[in-house]
N, C-alpha and C. Protein backbone atom coordinates (compact mmCIF):
# COMPACT_ATOMS: atom_id res chain seq x y z
N MET A 1 15.46 -51.83 -16.70
CA MET A 1 15.34 -50.50 -17.26
C MET A 1 14.28 -49.68 -16.51
N LYS A 2 13.13 -50.32 -16.23
CA LYS A 2 12.07 -49.63 -15.51
C LYS A 2 12.54 -49.19 -14.13
N LYS A 3 13.36 -50.04 -13.50
CA LYS A 3 13.87 -49.73 -12.19
C LYS A 3 14.73 -48.46 -12.24
N TRP A 4 15.55 -48.32 -13.25
CA TRP A 4 16.41 -47.14 -13.39
C TRP A 4 15.60 -45.88 -13.67
N LEU A 5 14.56 -46.00 -14.46
CA LEU A 5 13.70 -44.85 -14.73
C LEU A 5 13.01 -44.39 -13.45
N LEU A 6 12.57 -45.35 -12.64
CA LEU A 6 11.92 -45.02 -11.38
C LEU A 6 12.91 -44.32 -10.44
N ILE A 7 14.12 -44.84 -10.35
CA ILE A 7 15.15 -44.22 -9.51
C ILE A 7 15.45 -42.82 -9.99
N LEU A 8 15.58 -42.63 -11.30
CA LEU A 8 15.84 -41.31 -11.87
C LEU A 8 14.70 -40.35 -11.56
N ALA A 9 13.47 -40.81 -11.71
CA ALA A 9 12.30 -39.96 -11.43
C ALA A 9 12.26 -39.55 -9.96
N LEU A 10 12.50 -40.48 -9.06
CA LEU A 10 12.49 -40.17 -7.63
C LEU A 10 13.62 -39.21 -7.25
N THR A 11 14.79 -39.42 -7.82
CA THR A 11 15.93 -38.55 -7.54
C THR A 11 15.64 -37.14 -8.04
N THR A 12 15.08 -37.03 -9.23
CA THR A 12 14.73 -35.72 -9.80
C THR A 12 13.72 -35.02 -8.91
N ALA A 13 12.73 -35.76 -8.42
CA ALA A 13 11.71 -35.17 -7.55
C ALA A 13 12.34 -34.67 -6.25
N LEU A 14 13.27 -35.42 -5.68
CA LEU A 14 13.93 -34.99 -4.44
C LEU A 14 14.73 -33.72 -4.66
N PHE A 15 15.48 -33.66 -5.75
CA PHE A 15 16.28 -32.47 -6.01
C PHE A 15 15.40 -31.28 -6.37
N ALA A 16 14.28 -31.53 -7.02
CA ALA A 16 13.36 -30.44 -7.39
C ALA A 16 12.81 -29.78 -6.13
N GLU A 17 12.51 -30.56 -5.09
CA GLU A 17 11.99 -30.01 -3.85
C GLU A 17 12.98 -29.06 -3.18
N GLU A 18 14.27 -29.31 -3.36
CA GLU A 18 15.29 -28.44 -2.76
C GLU A 18 15.23 -27.03 -3.31
N GLY A 19 14.75 -26.87 -4.53
CA GLY A 19 14.69 -25.55 -5.15
C GLY A 19 13.45 -24.76 -4.81
N ILE A 20 12.67 -25.22 -3.84
CA ILE A 20 11.44 -24.54 -3.46
C ILE A 20 11.62 -23.84 -2.12
N LYS A 21 11.39 -22.56 -2.12
CA LYS A 21 11.37 -21.77 -0.89
C LYS A 21 9.91 -21.55 -0.52
N LYS A 22 9.64 -21.44 0.78
CA LYS A 22 8.26 -21.25 1.26
C LYS A 22 8.23 -20.09 2.24
N VAL A 23 7.24 -19.21 2.06
CA VAL A 23 7.09 -18.07 2.95
C VAL A 23 5.61 -17.83 3.24
N VAL A 24 5.33 -17.50 4.50
CA VAL A 24 3.99 -17.10 4.89
C VAL A 24 4.08 -15.67 5.43
N PHE A 25 3.28 -14.79 4.82
CA PHE A 25 3.24 -13.39 5.24
C PHE A 25 2.05 -13.22 6.18
N ASP A 26 2.32 -12.62 7.33
CA ASP A 26 1.32 -12.32 8.35
C ASP A 26 0.82 -10.91 8.08
N LEU A 27 -0.24 -10.79 7.26
CA LEU A 27 -0.74 -9.49 6.80
C LEU A 27 -1.80 -8.95 7.76
N LYS A 28 -1.44 -7.88 8.44
CA LYS A 28 -2.30 -7.30 9.46
C LYS A 28 -2.60 -5.82 9.18
N THR A 29 -1.83 -5.20 8.34
CA THR A 29 -1.93 -3.76 8.12
C THR A 29 -3.14 -3.35 7.28
N GLY A 30 -3.62 -2.17 7.55
CA GLY A 30 -4.67 -1.57 6.73
C GLY A 30 -4.11 -0.45 5.87
N SER A 31 -2.81 -0.25 5.92
CA SER A 31 -2.16 0.80 5.14
C SER A 31 -2.06 0.38 3.68
N ILE A 32 -2.66 1.16 2.81
CA ILE A 32 -2.63 0.87 1.38
C ILE A 32 -1.19 0.88 0.87
N GLU A 33 -0.42 1.85 1.32
CA GLU A 33 0.97 1.98 0.88
C GLU A 33 1.80 0.76 1.28
N THR A 34 1.65 0.32 2.52
CA THR A 34 2.39 -0.85 3.00
C THR A 34 1.93 -2.10 2.25
N PHE A 35 0.63 -2.23 2.04
CA PHE A 35 0.09 -3.38 1.33
C PHE A 35 0.65 -3.44 -0.10
N GLU A 36 0.66 -2.30 -0.79
CA GLU A 36 1.20 -2.28 -2.15
C GLU A 36 2.68 -2.64 -2.17
N LYS A 37 3.44 -2.03 -1.25
CA LYS A 37 4.89 -2.23 -1.24
C LYS A 37 5.28 -3.65 -0.82
N LYS A 38 4.70 -4.14 0.26
CA LYS A 38 5.13 -5.43 0.83
C LYS A 38 4.46 -6.64 0.17
N VAL A 39 3.21 -6.49 -0.25
CA VAL A 39 2.49 -7.63 -0.83
C VAL A 39 2.52 -7.55 -2.35
N LEU A 40 1.90 -6.53 -2.93
CA LEU A 40 1.76 -6.49 -4.37
C LEU A 40 3.09 -6.36 -5.11
N GLN A 41 3.95 -5.48 -4.66
CA GLN A 41 5.27 -5.34 -5.30
C GLN A 41 6.28 -6.32 -4.72
N GLY A 42 6.27 -6.48 -3.42
CA GLY A 42 7.28 -7.29 -2.75
C GLY A 42 7.23 -8.76 -3.15
N ILE A 43 6.06 -9.36 -3.14
CA ILE A 43 5.96 -10.77 -3.50
C ILE A 43 6.36 -10.98 -4.96
N ALA A 44 5.93 -10.09 -5.84
CA ALA A 44 6.31 -10.20 -7.25
C ALA A 44 7.84 -10.14 -7.39
N PHE A 45 8.47 -9.23 -6.68
CA PHE A 45 9.93 -9.10 -6.71
C PHE A 45 10.60 -10.38 -6.22
N HIS A 46 10.13 -10.89 -5.08
CA HIS A 46 10.74 -12.10 -4.50
C HIS A 46 10.57 -13.31 -5.41
N LYS A 47 9.39 -13.45 -6.00
CA LYS A 47 9.15 -14.57 -6.91
C LYS A 47 10.09 -14.48 -8.11
N THR A 48 10.23 -13.29 -8.68
CA THR A 48 11.12 -13.08 -9.83
C THR A 48 12.56 -13.38 -9.45
N HIS A 49 12.96 -12.96 -8.27
CA HIS A 49 14.32 -13.22 -7.79
C HIS A 49 14.63 -14.72 -7.81
N TYR A 50 13.73 -15.51 -7.21
CA TYR A 50 13.98 -16.95 -7.13
C TYR A 50 13.85 -17.63 -8.48
N GLU A 51 12.95 -17.16 -9.32
CA GLU A 51 12.85 -17.73 -10.67
C GLU A 51 14.14 -17.51 -11.44
N GLY A 52 14.77 -16.36 -11.23
CA GLY A 52 16.06 -16.06 -11.86
C GLY A 52 17.16 -17.00 -11.40
N LYS A 53 16.98 -17.62 -10.24
CA LYS A 53 17.94 -18.59 -9.72
C LYS A 53 17.48 -20.02 -9.98
N LEU A 54 16.45 -20.15 -10.85
CA LEU A 54 15.84 -21.44 -11.18
C LEU A 54 15.28 -22.14 -9.95
N GLU A 55 14.74 -21.33 -9.06
CA GLU A 55 14.08 -21.84 -7.87
C GLU A 55 12.65 -21.32 -7.85
N LYS A 56 11.86 -21.88 -6.98
CA LYS A 56 10.46 -21.49 -6.88
C LYS A 56 10.19 -20.94 -5.48
N LEU A 57 9.32 -19.95 -5.41
CA LEU A 57 8.88 -19.41 -4.13
C LEU A 57 7.38 -19.66 -3.99
N ASP A 58 7.01 -20.46 -3.00
CA ASP A 58 5.60 -20.66 -2.65
C ASP A 58 5.27 -19.62 -1.59
N ALA A 59 4.30 -18.75 -1.89
CA ALA A 59 3.95 -17.68 -0.96
C ALA A 59 2.49 -17.81 -0.54
N THR A 60 2.27 -17.64 0.76
CA THR A 60 0.93 -17.61 1.35
C THR A 60 0.82 -16.33 2.15
N VAL A 61 -0.35 -15.71 2.09
CA VAL A 61 -0.63 -14.51 2.87
C VAL A 61 -1.79 -14.82 3.79
N VAL A 62 -1.57 -14.67 5.11
CA VAL A 62 -2.64 -14.85 6.09
C VAL A 62 -3.19 -13.47 6.42
N ILE A 63 -4.49 -13.30 6.18
CA ILE A 63 -5.16 -12.00 6.26
C ILE A 63 -5.91 -11.88 7.59
N HIS A 64 -5.62 -10.80 8.32
CA HIS A 64 -6.37 -10.50 9.56
C HIS A 64 -6.11 -9.06 9.93
N GLY A 65 -6.50 -8.66 11.12
CA GLY A 65 -6.30 -7.27 11.55
C GLY A 65 -7.07 -6.31 10.67
N ASP A 66 -6.38 -5.28 10.19
CA ASP A 66 -7.01 -4.27 9.34
C ASP A 66 -6.93 -4.61 7.85
N ALA A 67 -6.41 -5.77 7.51
CA ALA A 67 -6.17 -6.12 6.10
C ALA A 67 -7.39 -6.70 5.38
N TYR A 68 -8.46 -6.99 6.10
CA TYR A 68 -9.65 -7.54 5.45
C TYR A 68 -10.11 -6.66 4.30
N LYS A 69 -10.00 -5.37 4.48
CA LYS A 69 -10.56 -4.42 3.52
C LYS A 69 -10.01 -4.58 2.11
N PHE A 70 -8.83 -5.14 1.96
CA PHE A 70 -8.25 -5.30 0.63
C PHE A 70 -8.88 -6.47 -0.13
N PHE A 71 -9.62 -7.33 0.53
CA PHE A 71 -10.12 -8.56 -0.07
C PHE A 71 -11.65 -8.61 -0.16
N VAL A 72 -12.28 -7.46 0.06
CA VAL A 72 -13.74 -7.35 -0.05
C VAL A 72 -14.09 -6.94 -1.47
N LYS A 73 -15.03 -7.67 -2.08
CA LYS A 73 -15.44 -7.38 -3.46
C LYS A 73 -16.22 -6.07 -3.55
N ASP A 74 -17.21 -5.91 -2.69
CA ASP A 74 -18.11 -4.76 -2.76
C ASP A 74 -18.01 -3.98 -1.45
N LEU A 75 -17.37 -2.83 -1.51
CA LEU A 75 -17.17 -2.03 -0.31
C LEU A 75 -18.48 -1.52 0.29
N THR A 76 -19.49 -1.28 -0.56
CA THR A 76 -20.75 -0.72 -0.05
C THR A 76 -21.46 -1.67 0.90
N ASN A 77 -21.19 -2.96 0.79
CA ASN A 77 -21.79 -3.95 1.69
C ASN A 77 -20.76 -4.46 2.69
N SER A 78 -19.97 -3.55 3.23
CA SER A 78 -18.92 -3.96 4.16
C SER A 78 -18.67 -2.88 5.20
N PRO A 79 -17.88 -3.20 6.21
CA PRO A 79 -17.53 -2.19 7.22
C PRO A 79 -16.65 -1.07 6.65
N TYR A 80 -16.20 -1.21 5.41
CA TYR A 80 -15.27 -0.25 4.81
C TYR A 80 -15.94 0.69 3.83
N LYS A 81 -17.27 0.74 3.86
CA LYS A 81 -18.02 1.55 2.90
C LYS A 81 -17.70 3.04 2.98
N ASN A 82 -17.21 3.53 4.10
CA ASN A 82 -16.91 4.95 4.25
C ASN A 82 -15.42 5.27 4.10
N ASP A 83 -14.63 4.30 3.71
CA ASP A 83 -13.19 4.50 3.53
C ASP A 83 -12.95 5.10 2.14
N LYS A 84 -12.90 6.42 2.10
CA LYS A 84 -12.79 7.14 0.82
C LYS A 84 -11.48 6.83 0.08
N LYS A 85 -10.39 6.77 0.83
CA LYS A 85 -9.10 6.48 0.21
C LYS A 85 -9.11 5.10 -0.45
N LEU A 86 -9.68 4.12 0.25
CA LEU A 86 -9.76 2.77 -0.29
C LEU A 86 -10.67 2.73 -1.52
N SER A 87 -11.80 3.43 -1.46
CA SER A 87 -12.75 3.39 -2.58
C SER A 87 -12.14 3.96 -3.87
N THR A 88 -11.20 4.88 -3.76
CA THR A 88 -10.58 5.46 -4.96
C THR A 88 -9.60 4.49 -5.64
N VAL A 89 -9.06 3.54 -4.89
CA VAL A 89 -8.08 2.60 -5.47
C VAL A 89 -8.59 1.16 -5.48
N HIS A 90 -9.81 0.96 -5.04
CA HIS A 90 -10.35 -0.40 -4.89
C HIS A 90 -10.31 -1.22 -6.18
N ASP A 91 -10.77 -0.65 -7.28
CA ASP A 91 -10.80 -1.39 -8.55
C ASP A 91 -9.40 -1.80 -8.99
N GLN A 92 -8.46 -0.88 -8.87
CA GLN A 92 -7.07 -1.17 -9.25
C GLN A 92 -6.48 -2.25 -8.34
N LEU A 93 -6.69 -2.12 -7.05
CA LEU A 93 -6.19 -3.13 -6.10
C LEU A 93 -6.80 -4.49 -6.39
N SER A 94 -8.08 -4.50 -6.70
CA SER A 94 -8.78 -5.75 -7.00
C SER A 94 -8.11 -6.50 -8.15
N LYS A 95 -7.79 -5.80 -9.21
CA LYS A 95 -7.12 -6.41 -10.37
C LYS A 95 -5.73 -6.93 -10.00
N ARG A 96 -5.01 -6.15 -9.23
CA ARG A 96 -3.65 -6.54 -8.85
C ARG A 96 -3.64 -7.73 -7.90
N ILE A 97 -4.59 -7.77 -6.97
CA ILE A 97 -4.68 -8.89 -6.02
C ILE A 97 -5.06 -10.16 -6.78
N THR A 98 -6.00 -10.04 -7.70
CA THR A 98 -6.41 -11.18 -8.52
C THR A 98 -5.22 -11.72 -9.31
N ALA A 99 -4.40 -10.82 -9.85
CA ALA A 99 -3.20 -11.23 -10.60
C ALA A 99 -2.20 -11.94 -9.67
N MET A 100 -2.11 -11.49 -8.43
CA MET A 100 -1.21 -12.15 -7.48
C MET A 100 -1.64 -13.61 -7.30
N SER A 101 -2.94 -13.83 -7.23
CA SER A 101 -3.45 -15.18 -7.05
C SER A 101 -3.24 -16.03 -8.29
N SER A 102 -3.59 -15.49 -9.44
CA SER A 102 -3.53 -16.31 -10.66
C SER A 102 -2.14 -16.36 -11.29
N THR A 103 -1.52 -15.23 -11.51
CA THR A 103 -0.23 -15.18 -12.19
C THR A 103 0.91 -15.66 -11.30
N TYR A 104 0.93 -15.19 -10.06
CA TYR A 104 2.02 -15.53 -9.14
C TYR A 104 1.69 -16.70 -8.21
N GLU A 105 0.50 -17.24 -8.34
CA GLU A 105 0.06 -18.39 -7.55
C GLU A 105 0.21 -18.18 -6.04
N VAL A 106 -0.12 -16.99 -5.58
CA VAL A 106 -0.08 -16.69 -4.16
C VAL A 106 -1.36 -17.23 -3.52
N GLU A 107 -1.21 -17.91 -2.40
CA GLU A 107 -2.36 -18.42 -1.65
C GLU A 107 -2.74 -17.38 -0.60
N PHE A 108 -4.03 -17.07 -0.53
CA PHE A 108 -4.53 -16.12 0.45
C PHE A 108 -5.45 -16.85 1.43
N LEU A 109 -5.15 -16.73 2.72
CA LEU A 109 -5.95 -17.34 3.78
C LEU A 109 -6.51 -16.23 4.67
N MET A 110 -7.81 -16.23 4.89
CA MET A 110 -8.44 -15.19 5.71
C MET A 110 -8.94 -15.78 7.02
N CYS A 111 -8.70 -15.04 8.09
CA CYS A 111 -9.19 -15.41 9.41
C CYS A 111 -10.71 -15.34 9.43
N GLU A 112 -11.33 -16.50 9.58
CA GLU A 112 -12.79 -16.59 9.54
C GLU A 112 -13.44 -16.03 10.80
N ALA A 113 -12.79 -16.16 11.94
CA ALA A 113 -13.38 -15.72 13.21
C ALA A 113 -13.69 -14.22 13.20
N THR A 114 -12.70 -13.41 12.88
CA THR A 114 -12.93 -11.96 12.88
C THR A 114 -13.75 -11.53 11.68
N MET A 115 -13.68 -12.27 10.60
CA MET A 115 -14.52 -11.98 9.44
C MET A 115 -16.00 -12.01 9.86
N ARG A 116 -16.35 -13.00 10.66
CA ARG A 116 -17.74 -13.09 11.17
C ARG A 116 -18.03 -11.93 12.13
N THR A 117 -17.06 -11.61 12.98
CA THR A 117 -17.24 -10.50 13.93
C THR A 117 -17.48 -9.19 13.19
N LEU A 118 -16.76 -8.97 12.09
CA LEU A 118 -16.91 -7.76 11.30
C LEU A 118 -18.12 -7.80 10.37
N LYS A 119 -18.81 -8.95 10.37
CA LYS A 119 -19.99 -9.16 9.53
C LYS A 119 -19.65 -9.02 8.03
N ILE A 120 -18.52 -9.60 7.67
CA ILE A 120 -18.15 -9.66 6.26
C ILE A 120 -18.65 -11.01 5.74
N ASP A 121 -19.58 -10.96 4.82
CA ASP A 121 -20.16 -12.18 4.27
C ASP A 121 -19.15 -12.88 3.37
N LYS A 122 -19.14 -14.19 3.45
CA LYS A 122 -18.22 -15.01 2.65
C LYS A 122 -18.37 -14.73 1.15
N SER A 123 -19.59 -14.44 0.72
CA SER A 123 -19.83 -14.16 -0.70
C SER A 123 -19.24 -12.82 -1.14
N ASN A 124 -18.84 -11.99 -0.18
CA ASN A 124 -18.29 -10.68 -0.50
C ASN A 124 -16.76 -10.63 -0.45
N ILE A 125 -16.12 -11.79 -0.38
CA ILE A 125 -14.67 -11.83 -0.49
C ILE A 125 -14.31 -12.54 -1.79
N TYR A 126 -13.13 -12.27 -2.29
CA TYR A 126 -12.71 -12.85 -3.56
C TYR A 126 -12.74 -14.37 -3.49
N ASP A 127 -13.15 -14.97 -4.61
CA ASP A 127 -13.33 -16.42 -4.67
C ASP A 127 -12.05 -17.20 -4.38
N PHE A 128 -10.90 -16.63 -4.70
CA PHE A 128 -9.63 -17.35 -4.50
C PHE A 128 -9.14 -17.30 -3.05
N VAL A 129 -9.79 -16.51 -2.21
CA VAL A 129 -9.40 -16.43 -0.79
C VAL A 129 -10.00 -17.62 -0.05
N LYS A 130 -9.13 -18.35 0.64
CA LYS A 130 -9.57 -19.50 1.44
C LYS A 130 -9.71 -19.04 2.89
N LEU A 131 -10.56 -19.71 3.62
CA LEU A 131 -10.77 -19.36 5.02
C LEU A 131 -10.00 -20.31 5.92
N THR A 132 -9.49 -19.75 7.01
CA THR A 132 -8.85 -20.53 8.06
C THR A 132 -9.59 -20.16 9.35
N PRO A 133 -9.76 -21.09 10.28
CA PRO A 133 -10.55 -20.80 11.48
C PRO A 133 -10.14 -19.50 12.17
N ASN A 134 -8.86 -19.27 12.28
CA ASN A 134 -8.35 -17.98 12.75
C ASN A 134 -6.92 -17.80 12.24
N SER A 135 -6.39 -16.61 12.36
CA SER A 135 -5.08 -16.32 11.79
C SER A 135 -3.96 -17.12 12.45
N THR A 136 -4.08 -17.34 13.75
CA THR A 136 -3.04 -18.09 14.46
C THR A 136 -2.95 -19.52 13.93
N ILE A 137 -4.09 -20.15 13.72
CA ILE A 137 -4.09 -21.51 13.17
C ILE A 137 -3.48 -21.53 11.77
N GLY A 138 -3.85 -20.56 10.95
CA GLY A 138 -3.27 -20.48 9.60
C GLY A 138 -1.76 -20.32 9.63
N LEU A 139 -1.27 -19.47 10.52
CA LEU A 139 0.18 -19.25 10.63
C LEU A 139 0.89 -20.47 11.19
N ILE A 140 0.31 -21.10 12.19
CA ILE A 140 0.91 -22.31 12.77
C ILE A 140 1.00 -23.40 11.72
N ASP A 141 -0.10 -23.64 11.02
CA ASP A 141 -0.13 -24.70 10.01
C ASP A 141 0.94 -24.47 8.94
N LYS A 142 1.04 -23.25 8.46
CA LYS A 142 2.03 -22.97 7.40
C LYS A 142 3.46 -23.12 7.93
N GLN A 143 3.71 -22.67 9.15
CA GLN A 143 5.06 -22.82 9.70
C GLN A 143 5.39 -24.29 9.94
N GLN A 144 4.41 -25.09 10.30
CA GLN A 144 4.64 -26.52 10.47
C GLN A 144 4.93 -27.20 9.13
N GLU A 145 4.46 -26.58 8.04
CA GLU A 145 4.73 -27.10 6.69
C GLU A 145 6.08 -26.59 6.16
N GLY A 146 6.81 -25.85 6.99
CA GLY A 146 8.14 -25.40 6.60
C GLY A 146 8.20 -24.00 6.02
N TYR A 147 7.14 -23.22 6.15
CA TYR A 147 7.11 -21.86 5.63
C TYR A 147 7.83 -20.91 6.58
N SER A 148 8.63 -20.02 6.04
CA SER A 148 9.28 -18.96 6.83
C SER A 148 8.24 -17.89 7.14
N TYR A 149 8.31 -17.32 8.33
CA TYR A 149 7.34 -16.32 8.79
C TYR A 149 7.85 -14.91 8.56
N ILE A 150 7.04 -14.08 7.88
CA ILE A 150 7.36 -12.67 7.66
C ILE A 150 6.14 -11.83 8.08
N PRO A 151 6.28 -10.97 9.09
CA PRO A 151 5.16 -10.12 9.48
C PRO A 151 5.04 -8.88 8.60
N ILE A 152 3.81 -8.49 8.30
CA ILE A 152 3.54 -7.23 7.60
C ILE A 152 2.50 -6.49 8.43
N HIS A 153 2.98 -5.58 9.28
CA HIS A 153 2.09 -4.86 10.20
C HIS A 153 2.04 -3.39 9.89
């Protein structure tokens, strides 16, 4: 009997893996409109789509280029302190990005190399953002794990 339960459990696990889609978004844009449409709205839409098909979407966003500014906690202590457009929507974006991490379980990876170049302190990025040595390594690693690549430029 134990043998059959083990076989059933392993078979269920194998079939469950088939229902998982994986995507890595290459987020490079500094456009608030593009960020809202492709990341905040787009990922939520895609996750809902797959949930409706009883499947799961694992999503990772690799942050680099001009996209750092969306993940800084305090704009006054960052290179983006003079970005007036960003400062008017920063609080709202902060709540929505946090919800993406917690509610939608989106993984965020930030390029550490350019973060240091821009003098963005690690303590000034959201706690749920993980660091990767650079964006290329983050993208390579995720693609090697079977994630589909989607650029957001």
